[in-house]
Amino acid sequence: MSERMPSSQVRASGPLRGLYAITPDETDGARLVELTRRVLAGRPALLQYRNKRVAGAERREQAEALLALCRAAGVPLIINDDLSLALEIGADGVHLGRDDGDPAVARRALGEGRILGVTCYADWGRAEAGAAAGVDYLAFGAMFPSPTKPHAPPSALALVTRARDELGLPVAAIGGISLENAPQVIAAGADLIAVVSDVFGAADPTARAAAYRALF
């Protein structure tokens, strides 16, 4: 596994807090780049590259194109579910689901300068294990019915509050979040609001991203 650490690597400025924009499953690379450019103009705290419909060279090409956009915008790029790709292109971090590798191994590979997050679903034990492994944030969800993850188990707002109180790490909430229900998730203690369709599918992605930012 090769690792490239670019001198222009972006680190989150201050606490991890705000909109966590996550890319849709878009096979048209040019359209994905343009949508992402518009979202980044709304100043999310983080951008995650997640695309379940491409692989191999196409996946890497998309990731590198988004990395260039993020560098220009000063927004950290997180790679979903693929530690090797994150290391190879010099991304700012990785996000791991249940079957995407050991967070402790990822922590060692990333070092302390880059961001590591894990999906905890509604599993408190996974949150405790992630905290022990040295992750930078814990993600819970689905908070509400989600078209992106229709089979994800529901996660109670109380888990967000408990994680903030007991584990002392930033908490990301994901799943069915909109501008209308985001305030109650933030009130429960969420530091990051992870959104796919309500931002990338908006008529004006820049304005929608900025509206989420304003909630914080």
Protein backbone atom coordinates (compact mmCIF):
# COMPACT_ATOMS: atom_id res chain seq x y z
CA MET A 1 0.00 0.00 0.00
CA SER A 2 1.54 3.28 -1.08
CA GLU A 3 0.98 6.56 0.69
CA ARG A 4 1.36 10.02 -0.72
CA MET A 5 1.18 13.00 1.63
CA PRO A 6 0.77 16.19 -0.39
CA SER A 7 2.10 19.40 1.12
CA SER A 8 -1.29 20.98 0.42
CA GLN A 9 -3.19 18.52 2.62
CA VAL A 10 -6.19 20.21 4.21
CA ARG A 11 -6.81 19.88 7.93
CA ALA A 12 -10.10 20.85 9.48
CA SER A 13 -9.90 24.35 10.91
CA GLY A 14 -11.13 24.16 14.49
CA PRO A 15 -13.64 21.59 15.75
CA LEU A 16 -15.42 19.28 13.33
CA ARG A 17 -18.76 21.07 13.14
CA GLY A 18 -21.19 21.92 10.35
CA LEU A 19 -22.49 20.35 7.17
CA TYR A 20 -20.90 17.04 6.16
CA ALA A 21 -21.74 16.86 2.45
CA ILE A 22 -21.68 13.35 0.94
CA THR A 23 -21.61 12.78 -2.81
CA PRO A 24 -24.37 10.83 -4.58
CA ASP A 25 -23.92 7.69 -6.67
CA GLU A 26 -23.20 9.60 -9.88
CA THR A 27 -21.58 7.80 -12.82
CA ASP A 28 -21.20 10.96 -14.92
CA GLY A 29 -17.88 12.31 -13.69
CA ALA A 30 -18.35 15.77 -15.22
CA ARG A 31 -21.76 16.16 -13.60
CA LEU A 32 -20.38 15.01 -10.24
CA VAL A 33 -17.56 17.55 -10.44
CA GLU A 34 -19.94 20.39 -11.29
CA LEU A 35 -22.39 19.48 -8.52
CA THR A 36 -19.53 19.22 -6.03
CA ARG A 37 -18.12 22.57 -7.11
CA ARG A 38 -21.48 24.17 -6.36
CA VAL A 39 -21.81 22.44 -2.99
CA LEU A 40 -18.29 23.48 -1.96
CA ALA A 41 -19.20 27.10 -2.69
CA GLY A 42 -21.64 26.81 0.23
CA ARG A 43 -18.73 26.00 2.58
CA PRO A 44 -19.44 22.58 4.13
CA ALA A 45 -17.20 21.51 6.99
CA LEU A 46 -16.28 18.26 5.22
CA LEU A 47 -16.91 16.55 1.89
CA GLN A 48 -17.10 12.77 1.63
CA TYR A 49 -16.60 10.98 -1.67
CA ARG A 50 -19.04 8.08 -1.70
CA ASN A 51 -20.04 6.38 -4.95
CA LYS A 52 -21.24 2.79 -4.99
CA ARG A 53 -21.77 2.72 -8.74
CA VAL A 54 -18.18 3.12 -9.96
CA ALA A 55 -14.97 1.22 -9.24
CA GLY A 56 -11.34 0.88 -10.25
CA ALA A 57 -9.78 3.58 -12.40
CA GLU A 58 -13.06 5.48 -12.74
CA ARG A 59 -13.44 5.66 -8.98
CA ARG A 60 -9.90 6.92 -8.55
CA GLU A 61 -10.34 9.48 -11.33
CA GLN A 62 -13.46 10.87 -9.67
CA ALA A 63 -11.79 10.95 -6.27
CA GLU A 64 -8.76 12.83 -7.60
CA ALA A 65 -10.98 15.36 -9.37
CA LEU A 66 -12.91 16.02 -6.16
CA LEU A 67 -9.66 16.26 -4.20
CA ALA A 68 -8.51 19.07 -6.48
CA LEU A 69 -11.79 20.91 -5.90
CA CYS A 70 -11.53 20.45 -2.15
CA ARG A 71 -7.94 21.70 -2.09
CA ALA A 72 -9.03 24.85 -3.91
CA ALA A 73 -11.97 25.34 -1.54
CA GLY A 74 -10.02 24.54 1.62
CA VAL A 75 -12.47 21.77 2.58
CA PRO A 76 -11.14 18.37 3.77
CA LEU A 77 -11.98 15.40 1.52
CA ILE A 78 -12.92 12.13 3.22
CA ILE A 79 -13.00 8.88 1.23
CA ASN A 80 -15.81 6.47 2.05
CA ASP A 81 -15.00 2.83 2.76
CA ASP A 82 -11.60 2.74 1.02
CA LEU A 83 -8.48 3.29 3.09
CA SER A 84 -6.18 2.30 0.22
CA LEU A 85 -7.67 4.91 -2.11
CA ALA A 86 -7.48 7.59 0.58
CA LEU A 87 -3.79 6.88 1.11
CA GLU A 88 -2.96 6.59 -2.58
CA ILE A 89 -4.39 9.96 -3.58
CA GLY A 90 -3.45 11.77 -0.36
CA ALA A 91 -6.99 12.50 0.79
CA ASP A 92 -7.61 14.13 4.14
CA GLY A 93 -9.22 11.10 5.76
CA VAL A 94 -11.37 8.02 5.48
CA HIS A 95 -14.77 6.92 6.74
CA LEU A 96 -15.32 3.24 7.55
CA GLY A 97 -18.50 1.21 7.78
CA ARG A 98 -18.93 -2.09 9.59
CA ASP A 99 -17.23 -4.21 6.92
CA ASP A 100 -14.59 -1.76 5.71
CA GLY A 101 -11.66 -2.60 7.94
CA ASP A 102 -10.37 -2.22 11.48
CA PRO A 103 -10.43 1.40 12.69
CA ALA A 104 -7.27 0.79 14.74
CA VAL A 105 -5.40 -0.32 11.61
CA ALA A 106 -6.73 2.68 9.71
CA ARG A 107 -5.65 4.99 12.51
CA ARG A 108 -2.09 3.72 12.33
CA ALA A 109 -2.02 3.99 8.53
CA LEU A 110 -3.44 7.51 8.47
CA GLY A 111 -1.34 8.84 11.30
CA GLU A 112 -2.60 11.59 13.55
CA GLY A 113 -2.82 14.35 10.95
CA ARG A 114 -5.76 13.00 8.98
CA ILE A 115 -9.41 12.39 9.83
CA LEU A 116 -10.90 8.99 10.65
CA GLY A 117 -14.61 8.42 11.13
CA VAL A 118 -16.72 5.32 11.64
CA THR A 119 -20.37 4.50 11.13
CA CYS A 120 -21.87 3.21 14.36
CA TYR A 121 -25.40 2.70 13.00
CA ALA A 122 -27.38 2.31 16.25
CA ASP A 123 -24.66 0.18 17.87
CA TRP A 124 -23.29 1.66 21.10
CA GLY A 125 -20.58 -1.01 21.32
CA ARG A 126 -19.22 0.03 17.93
CA ALA A 127 -19.09 3.63 19.14
CA GLU A 128 -17.08 2.63 22.21
CA ALA A 129 -14.71 0.53 20.07
CA GLY A 130 -14.24 3.41 17.65
CA ALA A 131 -13.43 5.81 20.46
CA ALA A 132 -10.90 3.34 21.85
CA ALA A 133 -9.30 3.01 18.39
CA GLY A 134 -8.71 6.75 18.18
CA VAL A 135 -11.30 7.86 15.62
CA ASP A 136 -11.98 11.57 15.15
CA TYR A 137 -15.77 11.36 14.94
CA LEU A 138 -18.60 8.87 15.37
CA ALA A 139 -21.54 8.67 12.94
CA PHE A 140 -25.00 7.45 13.92
CA GLY A 141 -27.95 6.76 11.63
CA ALA A 142 -30.26 6.46 9.96
CA MET A 143 -31.87 9.21 12.03
CA PHE A 144 -34.90 9.30 9.72
CA PRO A 145 -36.07 7.18 6.75
CA SER A 146 -33.39 7.55 4.08
CA PRO A 147 -33.50 6.99 0.30
CA THR A 148 -29.71 6.59 0.31
CA LYS A 149 -29.70 3.84 2.96
CA PRO A 150 -33.24 2.43 2.97
CA HIS A 151 -32.28 -0.67 4.98
CA ALA A 152 -30.26 1.09 7.68
CA PRO A 153 -31.59 0.44 11.19
CA PRO A 154 -33.15 3.48 12.86
CA SER A 155 -30.96 5.35 15.32
CA ALA A 156 -32.45 7.32 18.20
CA LEU A 157 -31.54 10.93 18.88
CA ALA A 158 -30.71 9.81 22.41
CA LEU A 159 -27.65 7.96 21.04
CA VAL A 160 -26.27 11.22 19.68
CA THR A 161 -26.67 12.86 23.07
CA ARG A 162 -25.15 9.91 24.90
CA ALA A 163 -22.12 9.78 22.62
CA ARG A 164 -21.40 13.47 23.11
CA ASP A 165 -21.80 13.17 26.88
CA GLU A 166 -19.94 9.91 27.48
CA LEU A 167 -17.35 9.58 24.72
CA GLY A 168 -16.32 13.19 24.20
CA LEU A 169 -15.96 12.96 20.42
CA PRO A 170 -17.67 14.90 17.63
CA VAL A 171 -20.84 13.15 16.50
CA ALA A 172 -22.15 13.00 12.94
CA ALA A 173 -25.80 12.23 12.26
CA ILE A 174 -26.90 10.78 8.92
CA GLY A 175 -30.00 9.45 7.25
CA GLY A 176 -33.03 11.31 5.96
CA ILE A 177 -31.86 14.68 7.24
CA SER A 178 -33.42 17.83 5.79
CA LEU A 179 -33.34 21.52 6.62
CA GLU A 180 -36.64 21.01 8.43
CA ASN A 181 -35.51 18.23 10.80
CA ALA A 182 -31.81 19.12 11.11
CA PRO A 183 -32.35 21.56 14.03
CA GLN A 184 -33.66 18.81 16.30
CA VAL A 185 -30.62 16.65 15.49
CA ILE A 186 -28.27 19.52 16.26
CA ALA A 187 -30.17 20.19 19.49
CA ALA A 188 -29.59 16.54 20.46
CA GLY A 189 -25.84 17.14 20.20
CA ALA A 190 -24.82 16.44 16.60
CA ASP A 191 -21.68 18.31 15.53
CA LEU A 192 -21.90 17.23 11.90
CA ILE A 193 -25.02 16.84 9.77
CA ALA A 194 -24.31 14.35 6.98
CA VAL A 195 -26.49 14.95 3.93
CA VAL A 196 -26.58 13.52 0.40
CA SER A 197 -29.80 14.10 -1.54
CA ASP A 198 -31.08 17.22 0.20
CA VAL A 199 -27.90 19.07 -0.81
CA PHE A 200 -26.77 17.50 -4.09
CA GLY A 201 -30.34 17.13 -5.32
CA ALA A 202 -31.33 20.70 -4.50
CA ALA A 203 -32.19 23.18 -7.25
CA ASP A 204 -29.41 25.41 -5.88
CA PRO A 205 -26.81 23.24 -4.12
CA THR A 206 -24.74 26.26 -3.07
CA ALA A 207 -27.65 27.95 -1.34
CA ARG A 208 -28.75 24.70 0.29
CA ALA A 209 -25.26 23.99 1.64
CA ALA A 210 -25.04 27.55 2.96
CA ALA A 211 -28.44 27.16 4.65
CA TYR A 212 -27.19 24.08 6.51
CA ARG A 213 -24.05 25.94 7.49
CA ALA A 214 -26.19 28.73 8.94
CA LEU A 215 -27.83 26.25 11.32
CA PHE A 216 -24.54 26.10 13.24
